[in-house]
Protein backbone atom coordinates (compact mmCIF):
# COMPACT_ATOMS: atom_id res chain seq x y z
CA MET A 1 -108.38 8.35 118.61
CA ASN A 2 -108.29 6.88 115.77
CA ARG A 3 -105.59 3.53 116.88
CA TYR A 4 -104.47 3.78 112.73
CA TRP A 5 -103.62 6.99 113.35
CA SER A 6 -99.94 8.71 114.62
CA PRO A 7 -99.75 10.00 118.08
CA LEU A 8 -99.13 13.01 116.65
CA LEU A 9 -102.48 13.93 115.51
CA ALA A 10 -104.67 13.82 118.97
CA ARG A 11 -102.26 17.09 119.78
CA LEU A 12 -103.19 18.72 116.84
CA HIS A 13 -104.78 22.03 116.24
CA PRO A 14 -105.51 22.45 112.74
CA TYR A 15 -106.05 25.94 110.93
CA VAL A 16 -109.55 26.31 110.75
CA PRO A 17 -110.80 28.82 107.92
CA GLY A 18 -112.94 31.09 107.30
CA GLU A 19 -116.32 30.05 106.00
CA GLN A 20 -116.82 29.23 101.96
CA PRO A 21 -120.67 29.12 101.39
CA THR A 22 -121.67 27.38 97.86
CA SER A 23 -125.11 29.99 97.62
CA THR A 24 -124.13 32.41 95.97
CA ASP A 25 -126.50 35.25 97.44
CA VAL A 26 -125.05 36.25 100.24
CA ILE A 27 -122.76 38.75 101.80
CA LYS A 28 -119.38 37.70 101.76
CA LEU A 29 -117.32 40.01 104.51
CA ASN A 30 -114.88 36.99 106.35
CA THR A 31 -112.27 35.80 104.57
CA ASN A 32 -110.83 38.99 103.41
CA GLU A 33 -110.52 38.26 99.26
CA SER A 34 -110.66 41.02 96.73
CA PRO A 35 -114.21 42.41 96.31
CA TYR A 36 -112.07 43.11 92.99
CA GLY A 37 -110.53 40.52 89.77
CA PRO A 38 -107.26 40.12 88.84
CA SER A 39 -105.91 41.74 86.25
CA PRO A 40 -107.03 41.61 82.66
CA ARG A 41 -103.62 40.29 81.81
CA VAL A 42 -103.76 37.21 84.26
CA ILE A 43 -107.49 35.80 82.32
CA ALA A 44 -104.84 36.43 78.83
CA ALA A 45 -102.25 34.40 80.76
CA LEU A 46 -104.22 31.33 81.61
CA GLN A 47 -105.78 31.03 78.31
CA ALA A 48 -102.22 31.59 76.86
CA GLU A 49 -101.32 27.42 78.81
CA LEU A 50 -104.64 26.06 77.66
CA ASP A 51 -102.59 24.35 75.21
CA ASP A 52 -101.98 20.70 74.93
CA ARG A 53 -98.54 21.56 77.34
CA LEU A 54 -100.36 20.98 80.19
CA ARG A 55 -99.33 16.73 79.60
CA LEU A 56 -95.88 19.08 80.55
CA TYR A 57 -95.30 18.81 84.16
CA PRO A 58 -94.29 22.36 85.07
CA PRO A 59 -90.74 24.21 85.95
CA PRO A 60 -89.85 22.27 89.01
CA GLU A 61 -88.45 25.65 89.76
CA SER A 62 -90.11 28.39 88.35
CA ASP A 63 -88.03 30.56 87.82
CA ALA A 64 -89.75 32.69 85.48
CA LEU A 65 -92.15 33.72 88.58
CA ARG A 66 -88.98 33.95 90.81
CA ALA A 67 -87.02 36.34 89.08
CA ALA A 68 -90.17 38.58 87.88
CA ILE A 69 -90.48 38.18 91.20
CA ALA A 70 -86.86 39.27 91.54
CA ARG A 71 -86.66 42.06 89.21
CA HIS A 72 -89.82 43.91 91.39
CA HIS A 73 -87.94 44.06 94.64
CA GLY A 74 -84.61 45.08 92.52
CA LEU A 75 -82.94 41.48 94.21
CA THR A 76 -81.88 38.66 91.99
CA ARG A 77 -83.77 35.15 91.23
CA GLU A 78 -82.11 33.53 93.91
CA HIS A 79 -83.37 35.95 96.66
CA VAL A 80 -87.05 34.13 96.23
CA PHE A 81 -88.73 30.80 97.07
CA VAL A 82 -92.31 30.63 95.99
CA GLY A 83 -94.81 27.56 96.35
CA ASN A 84 -98.50 26.81 96.83
CA GLY A 85 -100.17 29.90 99.03
CA SER A 86 -98.50 31.59 101.37
CA ASP A 87 -99.58 28.78 103.80
CA GLU A 88 -97.03 26.56 102.12
CA VAL A 89 -94.36 28.88 102.23
CA LEU A 90 -94.99 29.31 106.13
CA ALA A 91 -95.03 25.27 105.94
CA HIS A 92 -91.45 25.56 105.24
CA ALA A 93 -89.68 28.16 106.18
CA PHE A 94 -90.87 26.05 110.10
CA GLN A 95 -90.00 22.93 109.26
CA ALA A 96 -86.53 24.15 108.20
CA LEU A 97 -85.54 27.69 109.41
CA LEU A 98 -86.78 28.02 112.74
CA ARG A 99 -86.10 23.86 114.72
CA HIS A 100 -84.52 24.62 117.36
CA ASP A 101 -83.47 24.51 121.58
CA LEU A 102 -85.09 27.60 122.11
CA PRO A 103 -88.26 27.78 121.42
CA ILE A 104 -89.03 31.06 119.11
CA LEU A 105 -91.65 33.96 119.44
CA LEU A 106 -94.86 34.97 118.43
CA PRO A 107 -97.73 37.39 119.27
CA ASP A 108 -100.73 35.91 121.25
CA ILE A 109 -103.11 37.57 118.76
CA SER A 110 -101.63 37.00 115.19
CA TYR A 111 -102.69 34.13 112.93
CA SER A 112 -103.69 31.14 113.76
CA PHE A 113 -102.21 28.99 112.21
CA TYR A 114 -98.15 29.08 113.54
CA THR A 115 -98.94 27.29 116.40
CA THR A 116 -100.56 24.38 113.51
CA TYR A 117 -97.33 24.52 112.85
CA CYS A 118 -95.18 24.14 115.11
CA GLU A 119 -97.35 21.35 116.90
CA LEU A 120 -97.65 19.61 113.42
CA TYR A 121 -93.62 20.37 112.90
CA ASP A 122 -92.23 20.07 116.76
CA VAL A 123 -91.07 23.64 116.97
CA ALA A 124 -90.68 25.19 120.41
CA TYR A 125 -92.99 28.61 120.65
CA GLU A 126 -93.99 31.41 123.12
CA THR A 127 -96.91 33.21 123.20
CA VAL A 128 -95.74 37.59 123.61
CA PRO A 129 -98.64 39.18 124.67
CA LEU A 130 -99.87 42.36 122.87
CA THR A 131 -100.61 45.51 124.42
CA ASP A 132 -103.51 46.31 126.56
CA ALA A 133 -104.44 48.99 123.17
CA LEU A 134 -103.11 45.41 120.03
CA GLU A 135 -100.48 46.51 119.89
CA LEU A 136 -96.71 44.31 118.79
CA ASP A 137 -94.01 45.92 120.68
CA PRO A 138 -90.37 44.89 120.07
CA ALA A 139 -89.12 45.64 123.75
CA ASP A 140 -91.28 42.55 124.65
CA TYR A 141 -89.24 40.02 122.33
CA ALA A 142 -86.16 41.55 123.65
CA ARG A 143 -84.25 38.34 124.85
CA PRO A 144 -83.60 34.34 123.62
CA ASN A 145 -85.43 32.98 121.12
CA GLY A 146 -85.26 30.25 118.92
CA GLY A 147 -86.46 32.59 115.63
CA ILE A 148 -89.59 35.02 115.89
CA VAL A 149 -92.28 34.93 113.40
CA PHE A 150 -95.27 38.10 113.47
CA ALA A 151 -97.26 39.14 110.17
CA ASN A 152 -96.92 42.82 109.44
CA PRO A 153 -99.62 44.58 109.26
CA ASN A 154 -101.48 42.47 111.90
CA ALA A 155 -103.84 39.41 111.70
CA PRO A 156 -106.92 40.10 112.96
CA THR A 157 -105.96 43.15 114.28
CA GLY A 158 -104.60 44.81 110.77
CA ARG A 159 -102.17 47.23 112.79
CA ALA A 160 -99.05 47.75 111.15
CA LEU A 161 -95.24 48.20 112.36
CA GLY A 162 -92.22 50.43 110.82
CA LEU A 163 -89.53 50.10 108.95
CA ALA A 164 -87.42 51.14 112.72
CA ASP A 165 -89.58 48.67 114.40
CA VAL A 166 -89.59 45.04 112.26
CA GLU A 167 -85.81 46.00 111.65
CA ARG A 168 -85.34 46.50 116.53
CA LEU A 169 -87.87 42.79 115.61
CA VAL A 170 -85.10 41.46 113.46
CA ARG A 171 -82.58 42.05 115.65
CA ALA A 172 -84.58 40.74 118.33
CA SER A 173 -82.92 37.15 117.66
CA GLU A 174 -79.89 34.75 116.51
CA ARG A 175 -82.66 33.06 115.31
CA VAL A 176 -84.47 34.07 112.18
CA VAL A 177 -87.13 36.57 111.84
CA LEU A 178 -90.11 35.94 109.86
CA CYS A 179 -91.70 39.27 108.33
CA ASP A 180 -95.21 37.42 107.43
CA GLU A 181 -96.46 40.45 105.10
CA ALA A 182 -99.95 38.96 103.16
CA TYR A 183 -101.79 42.48 103.57
CA VAL A 184 -98.59 44.57 102.56
CA ASP A 185 -100.19 46.14 99.40
CA TYR A 186 -102.84 47.90 101.24
CA GLY A 187 -101.17 51.22 103.52
CA ALA A 188 -97.97 49.09 105.44
CA GLU A 189 -94.38 49.20 104.51
CA THR A 190 -92.91 45.37 102.95
CA ALA A 191 -89.68 45.17 105.00
CA VAL A 192 -87.60 43.34 101.51
CA PRO A 193 -85.49 46.96 101.61
CA LEU A 194 -84.63 45.72 104.84
CA VAL A 195 -83.43 42.49 103.92
CA ALA A 196 -79.78 42.79 101.96
CA ARG A 197 -78.30 44.33 105.89
CA HIS A 198 -79.70 41.69 107.63
CA ASP A 199 -78.88 37.47 106.91
CA ASN A 200 -81.59 36.41 109.06
CA LEU A 201 -84.90 37.76 107.78
CA LEU A 202 -87.10 35.77 105.84
CA VAL A 203 -89.95 37.87 104.08
CA VAL A 204 -93.51 36.41 103.50
CA GLN A 205 -96.50 37.34 100.53
CA THR A 206 -98.58 36.30 99.10
CA LEU A 207 -100.98 37.25 95.41
CA SER A 208 -104.23 35.73 97.39
CA LYS A 209 -104.88 39.89 98.54
CA SER A 210 -104.01 42.69 97.02
CA ARG A 211 -103.62 40.71 93.46
CA ALA A 212 -107.10 38.68 93.39
CA LEU A 213 -105.75 35.49 93.32
CA ALA A 214 -106.49 33.54 96.28
CA GLY A 215 -107.88 30.41 94.11
CA LEU A 216 -105.04 29.70 92.01
CA ARG A 217 -102.44 29.20 95.38
CA VAL A 218 -98.90 31.81 94.98
CA GLY A 219 -97.33 33.02 98.01
CA PHE A 220 -93.33 33.04 98.03
CA ALA A 221 -90.32 34.54 100.14
CA ILE A 222 -87.81 36.68 100.04
CA GLY A 223 -84.97 36.01 101.98
CA GLN A 224 -81.02 35.53 101.36
CA PRO A 225 -80.08 33.02 99.83
CA HIS A 226 -78.81 30.53 102.34
CA LEU A 227 -81.93 30.81 103.32
CA ILE A 228 -83.46 30.39 100.61
CA GLU A 229 -81.84 27.54 99.43
CA GLY A 230 -83.03 26.23 102.80
CA LEU A 231 -85.88 26.85 101.86
CA LEU A 232 -85.45 24.21 98.01
CA ARG A 233 -84.24 22.04 100.28
CA VAL A 234 -87.01 21.11 102.70
CA LYS A 235 -89.37 21.67 99.11
CA ASN A 236 -88.19 19.06 97.22
CA SER A 237 -87.60 16.67 99.23
CA PHE A 238 -91.32 17.11 99.89
CA ASN A 239 -93.01 18.25 96.82
CA SER A 240 -90.78 19.96 93.76
CA TYR A 241 -93.22 21.19 92.13
CA PRO A 242 -95.74 22.66 94.08
CA LEU A 243 -97.12 25.56 91.42
CA ASP A 244 -98.50 24.14 88.40
CA ARG A 245 -98.13 26.11 85.00
CA LEU A 246 -101.81 28.00 85.49
CA ALA A 247 -100.74 29.51 88.22
CA GLN A 248 -96.73 30.42 87.06
CA ALA A 249 -98.47 32.33 83.94
CA ALA A 250 -100.59 33.95 85.83
CA ALA A 251 -98.77 34.93 88.98
CA VAL A 252 -95.64 36.54 86.01
CA ALA A 253 -99.11 38.36 84.79
CA ALA A 254 -101.06 39.79 88.23
CA ILE A 255 -97.02 41.07 90.04
CA GLU A 256 -95.91 42.79 86.16
CA ASP A 257 -99.46 44.49 86.46
CA THR A 258 -98.63 47.02 89.30
CA ALA A 259 -100.88 49.42 87.74
CA TRP A 260 -103.72 46.97 88.49
CA LEU A 261 -102.93 46.88 91.37
CA ALA A 262 -102.65 50.68 92.75
CA GLU A 263 -105.85 50.92 91.12
CA THR A 264 -108.04 48.01 93.10
CA VAL A 265 -106.00 48.46 96.19
CA GLY A 266 -106.64 52.59 95.56
CA LYS A 267 -110.10 51.98 96.04
CA VAL A 268 -109.65 49.17 98.11
CA VAL A 269 -108.17 51.58 100.81
CA ALA A 270 -111.02 54.19 100.67
CA THR A 271 -113.71 51.97 101.06
CA ARG A 272 -111.88 51.20 104.13
CA GLU A 273 -111.79 54.41 105.11
CA GLN A 274 -115.81 55.52 103.88
CA LEU A 275 -116.02 51.56 106.31
CA ALA A 276 -113.70 52.41 109.49
CA LYS A 277 -116.60 56.08 109.62
CA ASP A 278 -119.48 54.76 109.23
CA LEU A 279 -118.65 52.61 111.76
CA ALA A 280 -117.87 54.82 114.74
CA ALA A 281 -120.22 56.15 113.80
CA LEU A 282 -123.19 53.80 114.84
CA GLY A 283 -120.69 53.42 117.99
CA PHE A 284 -117.92 50.64 117.38
CA ASP A 285 -114.64 51.27 118.67
CA VAL A 286 -112.01 50.77 115.14
CA LEU A 287 -108.98 49.82 115.15
CA PRO A 288 -106.66 51.40 113.03
CA SER A 289 -106.44 49.07 109.82
CA LYS A 290 -103.44 48.25 107.06
CA THR A 291 -105.13 45.64 105.94
CA ASN A 292 -108.52 45.84 103.13
CA PHE A 293 -110.36 44.12 106.34
CA VAL A 294 -111.26 46.26 109.81
CA PHE A 295 -111.97 45.05 112.97
CA ALA A 296 -114.37 46.30 115.08
CA ARG A 297 -116.51 46.30 118.16
CA HIS A 298 -119.67 47.53 119.66
CA PRO A 299 -119.78 48.45 123.44
CA GLN A 300 -123.03 46.97 123.45
CA LYS A 301 -123.76 44.18 121.58
CA PRO A 302 -121.98 41.38 122.48
CA ALA A 303 -119.82 39.98 118.36
CA ALA A 304 -120.86 36.22 118.65
CA GLU A 305 -124.82 38.59 118.47
CA LEU A 306 -124.49 40.30 116.14
CA SER A 307 -122.38 37.93 113.68
CA SER A 308 -125.70 36.04 114.21
CA ALA A 309 -128.18 38.41 113.01
CA LEU A 310 -125.90 39.82 110.01
CA ARG A 311 -125.75 35.89 109.38
CA ALA A 312 -129.60 35.65 109.11
CA GLN A 313 -129.46 38.40 106.55
CA GLY A 314 -127.23 36.80 104.99
CA ILE A 315 -124.44 38.80 105.76
CA LEU A 316 -121.63 36.64 106.62
CA VAL A 317 -118.78 37.88 108.55
CA ARG A 318 -115.76 36.02 111.04
CA HIS A 319 -116.24 36.09 114.70
CA PHE A 320 -113.08 35.13 116.52
CA LYS A 321 -114.18 33.15 120.23
CA LYS A 322 -110.23 33.17 121.43
CA PRO A 323 -109.17 35.46 124.63
CA ARG A 324 -108.31 39.26 124.79
CA ILE A 325 -110.25 39.50 121.12
CA ASP A 326 -113.78 37.64 121.43
CA GLU A 327 -115.81 40.76 120.68
CA PHE A 328 -114.65 42.23 118.11
CA LEU A 329 -115.40 41.70 114.34
CA ARG A 330 -112.86 41.08 111.45
CA ILE A 331 -114.72 42.90 107.78
CA THR A 332 -113.64 42.01 104.88
CA ILE A 333 -113.39 45.39 102.67
CA GLY A 334 -116.60 44.55 99.76
CA THR A 335 -116.82 46.47 96.80
CA PRO A 336 -119.16 50.22 98.50
CA ARG A 337 -122.33 48.34 97.77
CA GLN A 338 -121.56 45.61 100.17
CA CYS A 339 -119.94 47.72 102.76
CA GLU A 340 -123.15 49.62 102.24
CA ALA A 341 -125.16 47.50 102.84
CA LEU A 342 -123.79 45.82 105.84
CA VAL A 343 -124.36 49.21 107.21
CA SER A 344 -127.94 49.94 106.82
CA ALA A 345 -128.11 45.95 109.21
CA LEU A 346 -126.00 46.98 111.73
CA ARG A 347 -127.69 50.39 111.96
CA GLY A 348 -131.48 48.29 111.85
CA LEU A 349 -130.14 45.58 114.48
CA LEU A 350 -128.60 48.71 116.59
C-alpha cells in the first residue's frame, strides 16, 4: 500500500469501465452506447450556447433541466435531482440515503459500481442471488434491510421486472429502495408512476443510453421532495456546479424531443430482436432482453475464447470474469450492419 494513501484506499475495488479504443476502425459493441447520434435539436442547443456566457458559472440547481424532466413525467421540479451522469446521482444516493445500521440488499449479479460505492461510503451490504434463470425474485428481499438497490432492467442480464414486482420490492423495505432505470426506454416499464404513493422510492435514469448523450454525462433521480432534498444537501456539500452550461442545454433538448427518442429506440429494439434470432440460430442461449444489449452464451465455446477471437477481428464485446456469468458475452446493439458483421464473424468462429 502506498504510505500516503488513506487506509480506505487499500480496501477499495474500483469499477472497471468498458474499453474505449482510440482506433476508429473497430466495431464497438462493448459499452452499451447508442449506435445513433443525439437529436438534431441537441446539436442546435449546444451551438446556441457557444458564446460569451461560457465565462459564467452554470445555473447551480439546473432549474430548466429539472423543470423539463418534471414536465416529461407529470411532476414538479421538487421531485427531480440531476447530476453528472447517473453514476454521480447513484453515489450521492448511497452517501445520503443508504448508510444505516442494517445492510442494504443488492442482486449478486448486477451493476458492479453498487458494491464499489458501498466500500467507498462504508455502506453495509448483502448480495441476494438471482434465480437459476438469472431473474430477480422479490420474495428473496422480504427480510429486514437498510434499503434495496437494483437495476431494472438488470445489467448485465437484460431481464426486467414488471411494476407489480417493483412495488413488492418497495414494500419490502422501511428504508430507501433505489430503482436504477438506465435502460428502461428499451422496453421496460418505468417505476416513476409509483413515486406518488411510495415515499421511500427513488428512480434513477440516465441520458447516456437511449438519448445518446454518453459524452455529456447527465443523469437524474425522481422521488418525493424529502429524498431530493437529501441528495441536494450532499451535492451542495460536494460540488455545487455539477452540470455545465452545455450539458444542461443539450439535456433539455434531448428530453423534449420525444419523437427522436421513439425513432432511435425503435431501431435499436428491431435490431436487438433480429440479433437474438441470429444468435439463437448459431446455437447461443440468449436471455430475454429489455435493454440495448443481449446477454448470450454458447454451450460449446468458452466466452473468453470467443471474446478474444472477435477482438482479433476488430469486434469488441464485453466479457465478465465473474462467478455464474463467466460463460456469457454482453453484446451491445449496434447498427444492423455492425450486428450482421458480428454474426458473420461468429459463424466463422463456430
